[in-house]
Amino acid sequence: MILHKSCPMCGSARIKRVRRTLSRIYRGRPYRVPNVQFHECPDCGEQLFSPEAVDRIQSCRPKVAVA
């Protein structure tokens, strides 16, 4: 996991590493990613994901047939 000392969007030094379940929508279909770790800024809401977290999020996406 990459260590972030400040938020790249607002510059806040309050950015924190969190672990929670994310809810997302992919091509109109909702899905959840349980227990994923990432950095989040409590001031502006920016979320920063490591490559491992992105892989996990993508692996939980619903499978949608491409026409």
N, C-alpha and C. Protein backbone atom coordinates (compact mmCIF):
# COMPACT_ATOMS: atom_id res chain seq x y z
N MET A 1 0.84 -1.17 0.00
CA MET A 1 0.00 0.00 0.00
C MET A 1 0.89 1.24 0.00
N ILE A 2 0.54 2.20 -0.79
CA ILE A 2 1.26 3.47 -0.87
C ILE A 2 0.86 4.34 0.32
N LEU A 3 1.83 4.99 0.95
CA LEU A 3 1.55 5.87 2.07
C LEU A 3 1.32 7.28 1.54
N HIS A 4 0.15 7.83 1.83
CA HIS A 4 -0.18 9.20 1.42
C HIS A 4 -0.14 10.08 2.67
N LYS A 5 0.64 11.17 2.61
CA LYS A 5 0.74 12.08 3.74
C LYS A 5 -0.19 13.27 3.62
N SER A 6 -0.63 13.55 2.39
CA SER A 6 -1.59 14.64 2.19
C SER A 6 -2.48 14.31 1.01
N CYS A 7 -3.64 14.93 0.98
CA CYS A 7 -4.61 14.71 -0.09
C CYS A 7 -4.14 15.43 -1.36
N PRO A 8 -4.10 14.74 -2.50
CA PRO A 8 -3.68 15.39 -3.73
C PRO A 8 -4.73 16.37 -4.28
N MET A 9 -5.96 16.28 -3.80
CA MET A 9 -7.01 17.18 -4.30
C MET A 9 -7.08 18.49 -3.49
N CYS A 10 -7.09 18.39 -2.17
CA CYS A 10 -7.28 19.60 -1.36
C CYS A 10 -6.06 19.96 -0.51
N GLY A 11 -5.07 19.06 -0.44
CA GLY A 11 -3.87 19.33 0.32
C GLY A 11 -3.96 19.04 1.80
N SER A 12 -5.09 18.55 2.27
CA SER A 12 -5.28 18.26 3.69
C SER A 12 -4.27 17.22 4.17
N ALA A 13 -3.74 17.42 5.35
CA ALA A 13 -2.84 16.45 5.96
C ALA A 13 -3.61 15.43 6.82
N ARG A 14 -4.93 15.52 6.79
CA ARG A 14 -5.76 14.63 7.61
C ARG A 14 -6.11 13.32 6.91
N ILE A 15 -5.56 13.05 5.74
CA ILE A 15 -5.90 11.84 4.99
C ILE A 15 -5.60 10.61 5.84
N LYS A 16 -6.49 9.62 5.78
CA LYS A 16 -6.37 8.44 6.63
C LYS A 16 -6.55 7.16 5.83
N ARG A 17 -5.88 6.12 6.31
CA ARG A 17 -6.08 4.79 5.74
C ARG A 17 -7.31 4.20 6.40
N VAL A 18 -8.22 3.70 5.60
CA VAL A 18 -9.47 3.11 6.11
C VAL A 18 -9.67 1.74 5.48
N ARG A 19 -10.53 0.96 6.10
CA ARG A 19 -10.91 -0.34 5.57
C ARG A 19 -12.41 -0.45 5.73
N ARG A 20 -13.10 -0.65 4.61
CA ARG A 20 -14.56 -0.76 4.67
C ARG A 20 -15.09 -1.44 3.42
N THR A 21 -16.38 -1.68 3.43
CA THR A 21 -17.07 -2.23 2.26
C THR A 21 -17.47 -1.09 1.35
N LEU A 22 -17.10 -1.18 0.08
CA LEU A 22 -17.47 -0.17 -0.90
C LEU A 22 -18.68 -0.62 -1.70
N SER A 23 -19.56 0.29 -2.01
CA SER A 23 -20.69 0.03 -2.90
C SER A 23 -20.45 0.80 -4.17
N ARG A 24 -20.57 0.14 -5.30
CA ARG A 24 -20.31 0.74 -6.61
C ARG A 24 -21.40 0.33 -7.59
N ILE A 25 -21.41 1.00 -8.73
CA ILE A 25 -22.30 0.63 -9.83
C ILE A 25 -21.44 0.48 -11.07
N TYR A 26 -21.62 -0.63 -11.78
CA TYR A 26 -20.89 -0.88 -13.02
C TYR A 26 -21.89 -1.21 -14.12
N ARG A 27 -21.93 -0.37 -15.13
CA ARG A 27 -22.87 -0.53 -16.25
C ARG A 27 -24.30 -0.75 -15.76
N GLY A 28 -24.67 0.07 -14.77
CA GLY A 28 -26.04 0.04 -14.26
C GLY A 28 -26.32 -1.05 -13.24
N ARG A 29 -25.33 -1.85 -12.92
CA ARG A 29 -25.54 -2.94 -11.96
C ARG A 29 -24.75 -2.68 -10.68
N PRO A 30 -25.44 -2.64 -9.54
CA PRO A 30 -24.75 -2.40 -8.26
C PRO A 30 -23.94 -3.62 -7.82
N TYR A 31 -22.86 -3.36 -7.11
CA TYR A 31 -22.09 -4.44 -6.51
C TYR A 31 -21.35 -3.90 -5.29
N ARG A 32 -20.86 -4.82 -4.48
CA ARG A 32 -20.16 -4.46 -3.25
C ARG A 32 -18.78 -5.11 -3.23
N VAL A 33 -17.84 -4.40 -2.62
CA VAL A 33 -16.48 -4.92 -2.43
C VAL A 33 -16.23 -4.91 -0.92
N PRO A 34 -16.27 -6.07 -0.28
CA PRO A 34 -16.12 -6.11 1.17
C PRO A 34 -14.67 -5.92 1.62
N ASN A 35 -14.51 -5.21 2.74
CA ASN A 35 -13.25 -5.16 3.46
C ASN A 35 -12.05 -4.72 2.60
N VAL A 36 -12.22 -3.63 1.84
CA VAL A 36 -11.13 -3.13 1.00
C VAL A 36 -10.43 -1.96 1.72
N GLN A 37 -9.10 -1.93 1.62
CA GLN A 37 -8.31 -0.90 2.29
C GLN A 37 -7.89 0.17 1.28
N PHE A 38 -8.01 1.45 1.69
CA PHE A 38 -7.65 2.57 0.83
C PHE A 38 -7.44 3.80 1.69
N HIS A 39 -7.00 4.89 1.08
CA HIS A 39 -6.85 6.16 1.79
C HIS A 39 -8.04 7.06 1.43
N GLU A 40 -8.51 7.81 2.42
CA GLU A 40 -9.65 8.70 2.21
C GLU A 40 -9.41 10.01 2.94
N CYS A 41 -9.76 11.11 2.29
CA CYS A 41 -9.64 12.44 2.89
C CYS A 41 -10.96 12.80 3.56
N PRO A 42 -10.94 13.06 4.88
CA PRO A 42 -12.18 13.44 5.56
C PRO A 42 -12.64 14.86 5.22
N ASP A 43 -11.76 15.67 4.62
CA ASP A 43 -12.12 17.04 4.29
C ASP A 43 -12.85 17.15 2.95
N CYS A 44 -12.36 16.45 1.92
CA CYS A 44 -12.99 16.58 0.60
C CYS A 44 -13.61 15.28 0.08
N GLY A 45 -13.34 14.16 0.77
CA GLY A 45 -13.93 12.89 0.36
C GLY A 45 -13.14 12.13 -0.69
N GLU A 46 -12.01 12.66 -1.13
CA GLU A 46 -11.19 11.98 -2.14
C GLU A 46 -10.77 10.60 -1.63
N GLN A 47 -10.86 9.59 -2.53
CA GLN A 47 -10.46 8.24 -2.20
C GLN A 47 -9.30 7.84 -3.11
N LEU A 48 -8.26 7.26 -2.51
CA LEU A 48 -7.07 6.86 -3.24
C LEU A 48 -6.86 5.37 -3.07
N PHE A 49 -6.73 4.66 -4.19
CA PHE A 49 -6.65 3.21 -4.17
C PHE A 49 -5.30 2.73 -4.67
N SER A 50 -4.73 1.75 -3.99
CA SER A 50 -3.49 1.12 -4.43
C SER A 50 -3.82 0.23 -5.64
N PRO A 51 -2.81 -0.18 -6.41
CA PRO A 51 -3.07 -1.10 -7.51
C PRO A 51 -3.75 -2.40 -7.04
N GLU A 52 -3.38 -2.88 -5.85
CA GLU A 52 -4.00 -4.09 -5.32
C GLU A 52 -5.48 -3.88 -5.02
N ALA A 53 -5.82 -2.71 -4.47
CA ALA A 53 -7.23 -2.41 -4.19
C ALA A 53 -8.02 -2.28 -5.48
N VAL A 54 -7.43 -1.67 -6.50
CA VAL A 54 -8.11 -1.55 -7.80
C VAL A 54 -8.36 -2.93 -8.38
N ASP A 55 -7.39 -3.83 -8.30
CA ASP A 55 -7.58 -5.19 -8.80
C ASP A 55 -8.72 -5.88 -8.06
N ARG A 56 -8.77 -5.69 -6.75
CA ARG A 56 -9.84 -6.30 -5.95
C ARG A 56 -11.21 -5.75 -6.33
N ILE A 57 -11.29 -4.43 -6.51
CA ILE A 57 -12.55 -3.80 -6.90
C ILE A 57 -13.00 -4.33 -8.26
N GLN A 58 -12.08 -4.39 -9.20
CA GLN A 58 -12.43 -4.87 -10.54
C GLN A 58 -12.83 -6.34 -10.53
N SER A 59 -12.23 -7.14 -9.65
CA SER A 59 -12.57 -8.56 -9.61
C SER A 59 -13.98 -8.79 -9.05
N CYS A 60 -14.51 -7.82 -8.31
CA CYS A 60 -15.85 -7.94 -7.74
C CYS A 60 -16.94 -7.38 -8.66
N ARG A 61 -16.53 -6.70 -9.72
CA ARG A 61 -17.53 -6.12 -10.64
C ARG A 61 -18.39 -7.21 -11.27
N PRO A 62 -19.65 -6.91 -11.53
CA PRO A 62 -20.52 -7.90 -12.18
C PRO A 62 -20.01 -8.18 -13.60
N LYS A 63 -20.17 -9.41 -13.99
CA LYS A 63 -19.81 -9.80 -15.35
C LYS A 63 -20.96 -9.38 -16.27
N VAL A 64 -20.63 -8.57 -17.28
CA VAL A 64 -21.63 -8.06 -18.20
C VAL A 64 -21.23 -8.47 -19.61
N ALA A 65 -22.14 -9.10 -20.32
CA ALA A 65 -21.88 -9.51 -21.69
C ALA A 65 -21.81 -8.29 -22.59
N VAL A 66 -20.78 -8.23 -23.42
CA VAL A 66 -20.62 -7.13 -24.37
C VAL A 66 -21.25 -7.55 -25.68
N ALA A 67 -22.15 -6.71 -26.19
CA ALA A 67 -22.86 -7.07 -27.43
C ALA A 67 -22.09 -6.59 -28.64
